[in-house]
C-alpha atoms as a PDB file:
ATOM      1  CA  MET A   1      -2.972 -13.162   5.210  1.00  0.00           C
ATOM      2  CA  SER A   2      -0.132 -12.013   2.977  1.00  0.00           C
ATOM      3  CA  ASN A   3       1.821  -8.793   3.478  1.00  0.00           C
ATOM      4  CA  ASN A   4       3.415  -8.798   0.032  1.00  0.00           C
ATOM      5  CA  VAL A   5       4.402  -5.418  -1.363  1.00  0.00           C
ATOM      6  CA  LYS A   6       3.561  -5.201  -5.039  1.00  0.00           C
ATOM      7  CA  THR A   7       5.985  -3.214  -7.170  1.00  0.00           C
ATOM      8  CA  TRP A   8       6.111  -2.006 -10.755  1.00  0.00           C
ATOM      9  CA  SER A   9       9.324  -1.676 -12.749  1.00  0.00           C
ATOM     10  CA  TYR A  10       9.900  -0.207 -16.186  1.00  0.00           C
ATOM     11  CA  ASN A  11      12.795   0.713 -18.479  1.00  0.00           C
ATOM     12  CA  LEU A  12      12.031   3.920 -20.387  1.00  0.00           C
ATOM     13  CA  ILE A  13      14.310   4.063 -23.428  1.00  0.00           C
ATOM     14  CA  ASN A  14      14.485   7.079 -25.777  1.00  0.00           C
ATOM     15  CA  ASP A  15      10.873   7.995 -25.076  1.00  0.00           C
ATOM     16  CA  THR A  16       8.395   9.989 -22.986  1.00  0.00           C
ATOM     17  CA  LEU A  17       6.061   8.509 -20.380  1.00  0.00           C
ATOM     18  CA  THR A  18       3.319  10.276 -18.437  1.00  0.00           C
ATOM     19  CA  ILE A  19       2.452   8.702 -15.108  1.00  0.00           C
ATOM     20  CA  ASP A  20      -0.916   9.732 -13.689  1.00  0.00           C
ATOM     21  CA  PRO A  21      -3.134   8.673 -10.769  1.00  0.00           C
ATOM     22  CA  SER A  22      -4.580   5.817 -12.843  1.00  0.00           C
ATOM     23  CA  PHE A  23      -1.238   4.018 -12.300  1.00  0.00           C
ATOM     24  CA  GLY A  24      -2.179   3.745  -8.607  1.00  0.00           C
ATOM     25  CA  LEU A  25       1.338   4.574  -7.387  1.00  0.00           C
ATOM     26  CA  THR A  26       2.126   5.994  -3.974  1.00  0.00           C
ATOM     27  CA  ARG A  27       5.924   5.906  -4.426  1.00  0.00           C
ATOM     28  CA  LEU A  28       8.225   6.178  -7.418  1.00  0.00           C
ATOM     29  CA  SER A  29      12.004   5.902  -7.769  1.00  0.00           C
ATOM     30  CA  ILE A  30      13.592   7.340 -10.902  1.00  0.00           C
ATOM     31  CA  LEU A  31      17.170   6.579 -12.005  1.00  0.00           C
ATOM     32  CA  LEU A  32      18.806   7.879 -15.174  1.00  0.00           C
ATOM     33  CA  ILE A  33      21.207   5.177 -16.407  1.00  0.00           C
ATOM     34  CA  SER A  34      22.443   6.844 -19.595  1.00  0.00           C
ATOM     35  CA  GLY A  35      21.845   9.797 -21.892  1.00  0.00           C
ATOM     36  CA  THR A  36      19.788  12.755 -20.772  1.00  0.00           C
ATOM     37  CA  GLY A  37      16.476  12.826 -18.965  1.00  0.00           C
ATOM     38  CA  SER A  38      14.061  15.026 -17.064  1.00  0.00           C
ATOM     39  CA  TYR A  39      10.853  14.901 -15.081  1.00  0.00           C
ATOM     40  CA  LYS A  40       8.073  17.452 -14.818  1.00  0.00           C
ATOM     41  CA  GLY A  41       5.026  17.630 -12.579  1.00  0.00           C
ATOM     42  CA  SER A  42       1.661  18.975 -13.679  1.00  0.00           C
ATOM     43  CA  LEU A  43       0.888  21.204 -10.677  1.00  0.00           C
ATOM     44  CA  GLN A  44       0.666  24.953 -11.184  1.00  0.00           C
ATOM     45  CA  VAL A  45       1.228  27.161  -8.133  1.00  0.00           C
ATOM     46  CA  GLY A  46      -0.370  30.557  -8.620  1.00  0.00           C
ATOM     47  CA  ASN A  47       0.692  31.584 -12.104  1.00  0.00           C
ATOM     48  CA  LEU A  48       3.874  29.457 -12.026  1.00  0.00           C
ATOM     49  CA  PRO A  49       3.620  26.258 -14.072  1.00  0.00           C
ATOM     50  CA  SER A  50       5.844  23.264 -13.389  1.00  0.00           C
ATOM     51  CA  GLN A  51       9.105  23.170 -15.320  1.00  0.00           C
ATOM     52  CA  PRO A  52      11.228  20.168 -16.302  1.00  0.00           C
ATOM     53  CA  ILE A  53      13.925  19.173 -13.807  1.00  0.00           C
ATOM     54  CA  PRO A  54      16.992  17.504 -15.333  1.00  0.00           C
ATOM     55  CA  LEU A  55      18.061  14.106 -14.067  1.00  0.00           C
ATOM     56  CA  GLN A  56      21.732  13.265 -13.458  1.00  0.00           C
ATOM     57  CA  VAL A  57      23.158   9.890 -14.425  1.00  0.00           C
ATOM     58  CA  GLY A  58      23.443   7.671 -11.356  1.00  0.00           C
ATOM     59  CA  THR A  59      21.575  10.013  -8.983  1.00  0.00           C
ATOM     60  CA  PRO A  60      18.177   8.606  -7.940  1.00  0.00           C
ATOM     61  CA  VAL A  61      15.058  10.707  -7.379  1.00  0.00           C
ATOM     62  CA  ASN A  62      12.465   9.322  -4.977  1.00  0.00           C
ATOM     63  CA  LEU A  63       8.905  10.663  -4.894  1.00  0.00           C
ATOM     64  CA  SER A  64       6.107   9.701  -2.537  1.00  0.00           C
ATOM     65  CA  ALA A  65       2.546  10.736  -1.797  1.00  0.00           C
ATOM     66  CA  GLU A  66       1.556  12.181   1.593  1.00  0.00           C
ATOM     67  CA  PRO A  67       2.168   9.534   4.280  1.00  0.00           C
ATOM     68  CA  SER A  68      -0.760  10.677   6.413  1.00  0.00           C
ATOM     69  CA  ALA A  69      -3.376   9.689   3.838  1.00  0.00           C
ATOM     70  CA  PRO A  70      -3.607   7.009   1.141  1.00  0.00           C
ATOM     71  CA  LEU A  71      -3.021   9.475  -1.677  1.00  0.00           C
ATOM     72  CA  LEU A  72      -1.726   8.597  -5.114  1.00  0.00           C
ATOM     73  CA  LEU A  73       1.068  10.397  -6.929  1.00  0.00           C
ATOM     74  CA  GLY A  74      -0.220  13.073  -9.296  1.00  0.00           C
ATOM     75  CA  GLU A  75       0.694  13.448 -12.951  1.00  0.00           C
ATOM     76  CA  LEU A  76       4.390  13.318 -13.809  1.00  0.00           C
ATOM     77  CA  THR A  77       6.013  13.321 -17.253  1.00  0.00           C
ATOM     78  CA  LEU A  78       9.401  11.665 -17.802  1.00  0.00           C
ATOM     79  CA  THR A  79      11.471  12.204 -20.952  1.00  0.00           C
ATOM     80  CA  THR A  80      14.792  10.638 -21.944  1.00  0.00           C
ATOM     81  CA  THR A  81      17.234  10.317 -24.826  1.00  0.00           C
ATOM     82  CA  GLY A  82      18.815   7.392 -22.974  1.00  0.00           C
ATOM     83  CA  THR A  83      17.501   4.998 -20.348  1.00  0.00           C
ATOM     84  CA  ILE A  84      15.534   5.735 -17.178  1.00  0.00           C
ATOM     85  CA  LEU A  85      14.772   2.922 -14.732  1.00  0.00           C
ATOM     86  CA  LEU A  86      11.513   3.271 -12.779  1.00  0.00           C
ATOM     87  CA  ILE A  87      10.373   1.364  -9.704  1.00  0.00           C
ATOM     88  CA  GLY A  88       7.015   2.176  -8.159  1.00  0.00           C
ATOM     89  CA  LYS A  89       4.570   0.852  -5.644  1.00  0.00           C
END
């Protein structure tokens, strides 16, 4: 039996990408390499919608689903005028 961890990697360049549960990800690392970039969730809490959070060049953001259950990450939209590196599993 193999215990290989499968990962996904992607370079987002001058574009927008929406990641949703169909990607099957439980963890995602986001790193802005150049330019500007932001990420925004889709959850609304009460009457407060999610707002874009700016990324800083060279500062990673790591997101993960609840560890107590095999949940997938919800919808997340990434936008950049430069390059964002993504690694997920």
